[in-house]
Protein backbone atom coordinates (compact mmCIF):
# COMPACT_ATOMS: atom_id res chain seq x y z
CA MET A 1 102.48 107.01 115.13
CA ILE A 2 103.04 105.59 111.66
CA LYS A 3 100.28 106.66 109.28
CA LEU A 4 101.88 105.92 105.90
CA ILE A 5 104.38 103.30 104.72
CA SER A 6 106.50 104.03 101.65
CA ILE A 7 107.82 100.84 100.07
CA ASP A 8 110.38 100.42 97.32
CA LEU A 9 109.78 97.57 94.87
CA ASP A 10 112.94 95.97 93.45
CA GLY A 11 115.19 94.54 96.13
CA THR A 12 112.64 95.45 98.79
CA LEU A 13 109.02 94.35 98.36
CA LEU A 14 109.86 92.07 95.44
CA ASN A 15 111.94 88.93 95.84
CA SER A 16 114.69 87.84 93.45
CA ASN A 17 112.03 86.50 91.07
CA SER A 18 110.38 89.95 90.94
CA GLU A 19 107.37 88.64 92.85
CA ILE A 20 105.61 89.65 96.07
CA ASP A 21 105.53 86.72 98.46
CA GLN A 22 102.39 85.92 100.41
CA GLU A 23 103.88 86.94 103.75
CA ASN A 24 104.49 90.46 102.46
CA ILE A 25 100.98 90.67 100.98
CA LYS A 26 99.52 89.57 104.31
CA ALA A 27 101.60 92.13 106.22
CA VAL A 28 100.66 95.02 103.92
CA LYS A 29 96.98 94.17 104.34
CA TYR A 30 97.55 94.07 108.10
CA ALA A 31 99.09 97.55 107.95
CA GLN A 32 96.12 98.86 105.99
CA LYS A 33 93.73 97.42 108.60
CA LYS A 34 95.76 99.25 111.24
CA GLY A 35 95.02 102.49 109.36
CA CYS A 36 98.28 102.92 107.43
CA GLN A 37 98.28 104.14 103.87
CA ILE A 38 100.62 102.30 101.49
CA VAL A 39 102.58 104.15 98.81
CA LEU A 40 104.85 102.30 96.40
CA CYS A 41 107.92 104.44 95.59
CA THR A 42 109.92 102.98 92.74
CA GLY A 43 112.09 103.50 89.71
CA ARG A 44 109.55 101.60 87.64
CA PRO A 45 107.00 103.37 85.42
CA TYR A 46 103.32 103.49 86.32
CA PRO A 47 102.06 100.36 84.47
CA LEU A 48 104.67 98.16 86.15
CA THR A 49 103.82 99.68 89.53
CA LYS A 50 100.03 99.63 89.37
CA SER A 51 99.98 95.85 88.87
CA PHE A 52 101.79 95.35 92.18
CA ALA A 53 99.47 97.77 93.96
CA ASP A 54 96.60 95.62 92.70
CA GLN A 55 98.23 92.47 94.09
CA LEU A 56 98.51 94.16 97.49
CA GLY A 57 94.84 95.12 97.46
CA VAL A 58 95.65 98.84 97.45
CA GLN A 59 92.53 100.16 95.73
CA SER A 60 92.98 103.87 96.29
CA GLY A 61 95.91 106.16 96.95
CA TYR A 62 99.06 107.09 95.08
CA VAL A 63 102.29 105.78 93.61
CA VAL A 64 105.64 107.52 93.14
CA THR A 65 107.17 106.24 89.90
CA ASN A 66 110.31 106.70 87.78
CA ASN A 67 112.31 107.57 90.91
CA GLY A 68 110.12 110.50 91.85
CA ALA A 69 109.77 112.06 88.41
CA ASN A 70 106.07 111.16 88.24
CA ILE A 71 103.46 111.00 90.97
CA GLN A 72 100.09 109.50 90.13
CA ASN A 73 96.94 108.29 91.76
CA LEU A 74 95.90 104.71 91.16
CA SER A 75 93.57 105.81 88.38
CA GLY A 76 96.65 106.95 86.45
CA GLU A 77 96.08 110.68 86.90
CA THR A 78 99.29 112.67 87.35
CA ILE A 79 99.32 114.87 90.44
CA GLY A 80 102.97 115.92 90.18
CA ARG A 81 105.81 115.68 87.70
CA PHE A 82 109.47 116.72 87.50
CA ALA A 83 110.42 116.26 83.86
CA LEU A 84 113.35 116.67 81.48
CA GLY A 85 112.85 118.84 78.42
CA ARG A 86 114.38 119.13 74.94
CA GLU A 87 117.62 120.84 75.97
CA ASP A 88 118.20 118.24 78.69
CA ILE A 89 117.67 115.36 76.29
CA GLN A 90 119.97 116.91 73.68
CA HIS A 91 122.68 117.40 76.29
CA TRP A 92 122.65 113.74 77.32
CA LEU A 93 122.32 112.53 73.76
CA SER A 94 125.52 114.39 72.90
CA PHE A 95 127.22 113.06 76.03
CA CYS A 96 126.39 109.44 75.16
CA GLN A 97 127.29 109.82 71.49
CA ARG A 98 130.69 111.20 72.51
CA LEU A 99 131.27 108.17 74.74
CA ASP A 100 129.79 105.75 72.21
CA VAL A 101 127.21 104.34 74.66
CA PRO A 102 123.46 104.06 74.08
CA LEU A 103 120.79 105.71 76.16
CA ASN A 104 117.07 105.29 76.60
CA VAL A 105 114.47 107.89 77.44
CA VAL A 106 111.50 107.05 79.62
CA ASP A 107 108.13 108.67 80.23
CA SER A 108 105.26 107.67 82.50
CA ARG A 109 104.21 104.72 80.34
CA HIS A 110 106.91 103.88 77.80
CA ILE A 111 110.60 103.21 77.33
CA TYR A 112 112.11 104.47 74.07
CA THR A 113 115.06 103.31 72.04
CA ILE A 114 116.59 106.03 69.87
CA GLU A 115 117.28 105.51 66.18
CA PRO A 116 119.50 105.60 64.27
CA ALA A 117 121.75 103.81 66.74
CA TRP A 118 125.32 105.08 67.16
CA SER A 119 126.81 102.69 69.71
CA PRO A 120 128.30 99.21 69.25
CA TYR A 121 127.00 98.34 72.71
CA PRO A 122 123.38 97.25 73.09
CA SER A 123 121.39 98.76 75.93
CA LEU A 124 120.92 96.26 78.76
CA TYR A 125 117.85 98.09 80.01
CA TYR A 126 115.47 95.75 78.22
CA ASN A 127 116.85 92.80 80.19
CA LEU A 128 115.85 94.27 83.54
CA PRO A 129 112.60 93.23 85.23
CA THR A 130 111.81 96.94 85.54
CA SER A 131 111.73 97.34 81.77
CA ARG A 132 109.11 96.92 79.07
CA ILE A 133 109.14 96.36 75.32
CA PRO A 134 110.58 99.63 73.98
CA LYS A 135 109.04 101.97 71.47
CA ILE A 136 111.20 103.57 68.79
CA ILE A 137 111.81 107.29 68.66
CA HIS A 138 113.98 109.00 66.05
CA GLN A 139 116.67 111.49 66.91
CA GLU A 140 114.99 114.25 64.94
CA ASP A 141 111.83 113.80 66.99
CA LEU A 142 113.81 114.70 70.08
CA LEU A 143 114.32 118.21 68.65
CA GLY A 144 110.66 119.04 69.17
CA ASP A 145 108.71 119.97 72.27
CA VAL A 146 109.50 116.77 74.14
CA SER A 147 109.17 115.84 77.79
CA PHE A 148 110.49 112.71 79.53
CA ASP A 149 110.74 111.50 83.09
CA LYS A 150 114.31 110.30 82.89
CA VAL A 151 117.29 109.30 80.80
CA VAL A 152 118.87 105.92 81.55
CA ILE A 153 122.23 104.43 80.63
CA CYS A 154 122.33 100.69 81.23
CA GLN A 155 125.60 98.88 80.61
CA LYS A 156 127.95 96.37 82.15
CA GLU A 157 129.26 97.61 85.47
CA GLU A 158 132.82 98.21 84.28
CA LEU A 159 131.70 100.28 81.30
CA LEU A 160 129.22 102.23 83.39
CA ASP A 161 131.99 103.04 85.87
CA LYS A 162 133.88 104.68 82.98
CA VAL A 163 130.77 106.57 81.88
CA GLU A 164 130.20 107.84 85.41
CA SER A 165 133.81 108.99 85.63
CA GLN A 166 133.20 111.25 82.61
CA LEU A 167 130.42 113.21 84.28
CA GLU A 168 131.22 116.89 84.58
CA PRO A 169 130.77 118.69 87.93
CA SER A 170 128.18 120.86 86.20
CA ASP A 171 126.19 117.73 85.27
CA VAL A 172 126.15 116.54 88.87
CA LYS A 173 125.04 120.00 89.99
CA THR A 174 122.36 120.46 87.32
CA TYR A 175 120.73 117.02 87.41
CA HIS A 176 119.78 114.35 89.90
CA ILE A 177 122.04 111.47 88.86
CA VAL A 178 121.73 108.17 90.68
CA ARG A 179 123.24 104.71 90.26
CA SER A 180 120.06 102.82 91.12
CA GLU A 181 121.59 99.45 90.18
CA PRO A 182 125.21 98.45 89.50
CA ILE A 183 124.44 98.43 85.76
CA LEU A 184 121.97 101.33 85.70
CA LEU A 185 122.63 105.08 85.76
CA GLU A 186 119.56 107.32 85.84
CA ILE A 187 119.49 111.04 85.05
CA LEU A 188 116.52 113.07 86.24
CA ASN A 189 115.27 116.57 86.83
CA PRO A 190 117.16 117.97 89.86
CA LYS A 191 113.89 118.04 91.82
CA ALA A 192 113.04 114.43 91.01
CA ASN A 193 113.69 111.94 93.77
CA LYS A 194 111.54 109.69 95.92
CA LEU A 195 111.47 112.19 98.79
CA GLN A 196 110.10 115.02 96.66
CA GLY A 197 107.67 112.63 95.01
CA LEU A 198 106.34 111.48 98.36
CA ARG A 199 106.01 115.08 99.51
CA CYS A 200 103.46 115.54 96.72
CA VAL A 201 101.51 112.60 98.11
CA LEU A 202 101.74 113.85 101.68
CA ASP A 203 100.29 117.19 100.61
CA GLN A 204 97.29 115.32 99.23
CA VAL A 205 96.69 113.11 102.28
CA GLN A 206 97.69 115.62 104.98
CA ILE A 207 100.31 113.41 106.61
CA ASP A 208 103.66 114.64 107.94
CA LEU A 209 107.01 113.05 107.08
CA SER A 210 107.48 112.29 110.77
CA GLU A 211 104.51 109.89 110.44
CA VAL A 212 106.07 107.97 107.52
CA MET A 213 107.94 104.68 107.59
CA ALA A 214 110.13 104.26 104.50
CA ILE A 215 111.61 100.93 103.42
CA GLY A 216 114.34 100.60 100.77
CA ASP A 217 117.65 99.13 99.69
CA GLN A 218 119.47 101.32 97.15
CA ALA A 219 120.99 104.78 96.73
CA ASN A 220 117.80 106.11 95.15
CA ASP A 221 116.04 105.50 98.50
CA LEU A 222 118.48 107.52 100.60
CA GLU A 223 116.85 110.97 100.56
CA LEU A 224 113.51 109.51 101.59
CA LEU A 225 114.96 107.23 104.25
CA LYS A 226 116.90 110.07 105.86
CA ALA A 227 113.85 112.36 106.00
CA SER A 228 111.19 109.89 107.18
CA GLY A 229 110.11 109.39 110.76
CA VAL A 230 111.13 105.73 110.61
CA SER A 231 113.65 104.35 108.12
CA VAL A 232 114.14 100.66 107.35
CA ALA A 233 116.93 99.09 105.31
CA MET A 234 116.75 95.64 103.81
CA GLU A 235 119.41 93.10 104.80
CA ASN A 236 120.42 93.10 101.12
CA ALA A 237 120.71 96.90 101.04
CA ILE A 238 123.91 98.70 100.15
CA ASP A 239 126.03 99.79 103.10
CA MET A 240 125.18 103.49 102.94
CA VAL A 241 121.46 102.67 103.15
CA LYS A 242 122.00 100.44 106.19
CA ALA A 243 124.08 103.15 107.83
CA SER A 244 121.29 105.71 107.46
CA ALA A 245 118.44 103.46 108.64
CA ASP A 246 116.86 103.14 112.07
CA TYR A 247 116.34 99.41 111.58
CA THR A 248 117.64 96.67 109.31
CA THR A 249 115.10 94.02 108.45
CA ALA A 250 115.46 90.66 106.69
CA SER A 251 116.28 90.46 103.00
CA ASN A 252 113.84 90.74 100.13
CA ASP A 253 113.96 86.94 99.80
CA GLN A 254 113.02 86.50 103.46
CA SER A 255 109.89 88.70 103.63
CA GLY A 256 111.82 91.62 105.10
CA VAL A 257 108.98 94.06 104.44
CA ALA A 258 106.64 91.92 106.51
CA GLN A 259 109.17 91.70 109.35
CA ALA A 260 109.54 95.50 109.40
CA ILE A 261 105.79 96.10 109.38
CA TYR A 262 105.15 93.75 112.28
CA HIS A 263 108.19 95.06 114.18
CA TYR A 264 106.95 98.64 114.11
CA LEU A 265 103.18 98.40 113.96
CA GLU A 266 102.75 95.79 116.66
CA ASP A 267 105.07 97.75 118.95
CA LYS A 268 104.28 101.35 118.04
CA ASN A 269 100.65 101.57 116.95
CA LYS A 270 99.02 99.88 119.92
């Protein structure tokens, strides 16, 4: 029996205009009436996640944000965090300076642009719907006792392919590195992913992974989809997500979340 539904935002719950359509809102409310808890699991930070939880009428519960680096209740209290520290930030700062590409650092509430700038390429992160107006942080401030949820490199796809090709095997082993969008590379604590973030929530609500339905579309959803009792891929999902899913629903522009909810809850929770 499905007791909790984990839903990704971009490319999943949200349509191409970064909005939740009324059919999805109606279906999520239906799921809640059937006794299912709803947890939004996203690469977005808390402020950009909480607003969508409010639209869905989710008044209590939890959200998994910044790709599993931060887990919070809907009052904003952190119940779990997998962060990057000073040495991690310095490592990736040196990496990006060597390749002449900019990076941004992100915590639970803010996105930071680092000054002085060293790259001729502007970060494209601010153009994404997942972004916010950045705050400025100076390089010398990153030498202190700092803590961030993730490092992001956001560039044109061709340039990001070159950046990704320069990753050392030790980097891949030491960090959780995920291409969450064609133009977005995210670097996180090795323990930070949506699966581990949701495990923190499940410990709080006493629900087993076998009782979870997870819905997603990108590589950053894979760990959670593979581990959940029921896994759903969007029609617009990348191929490896579709291959790992139990069911492929309609696209994010065709209320695919609603279709998946009705498909499983009407059949399985009677």
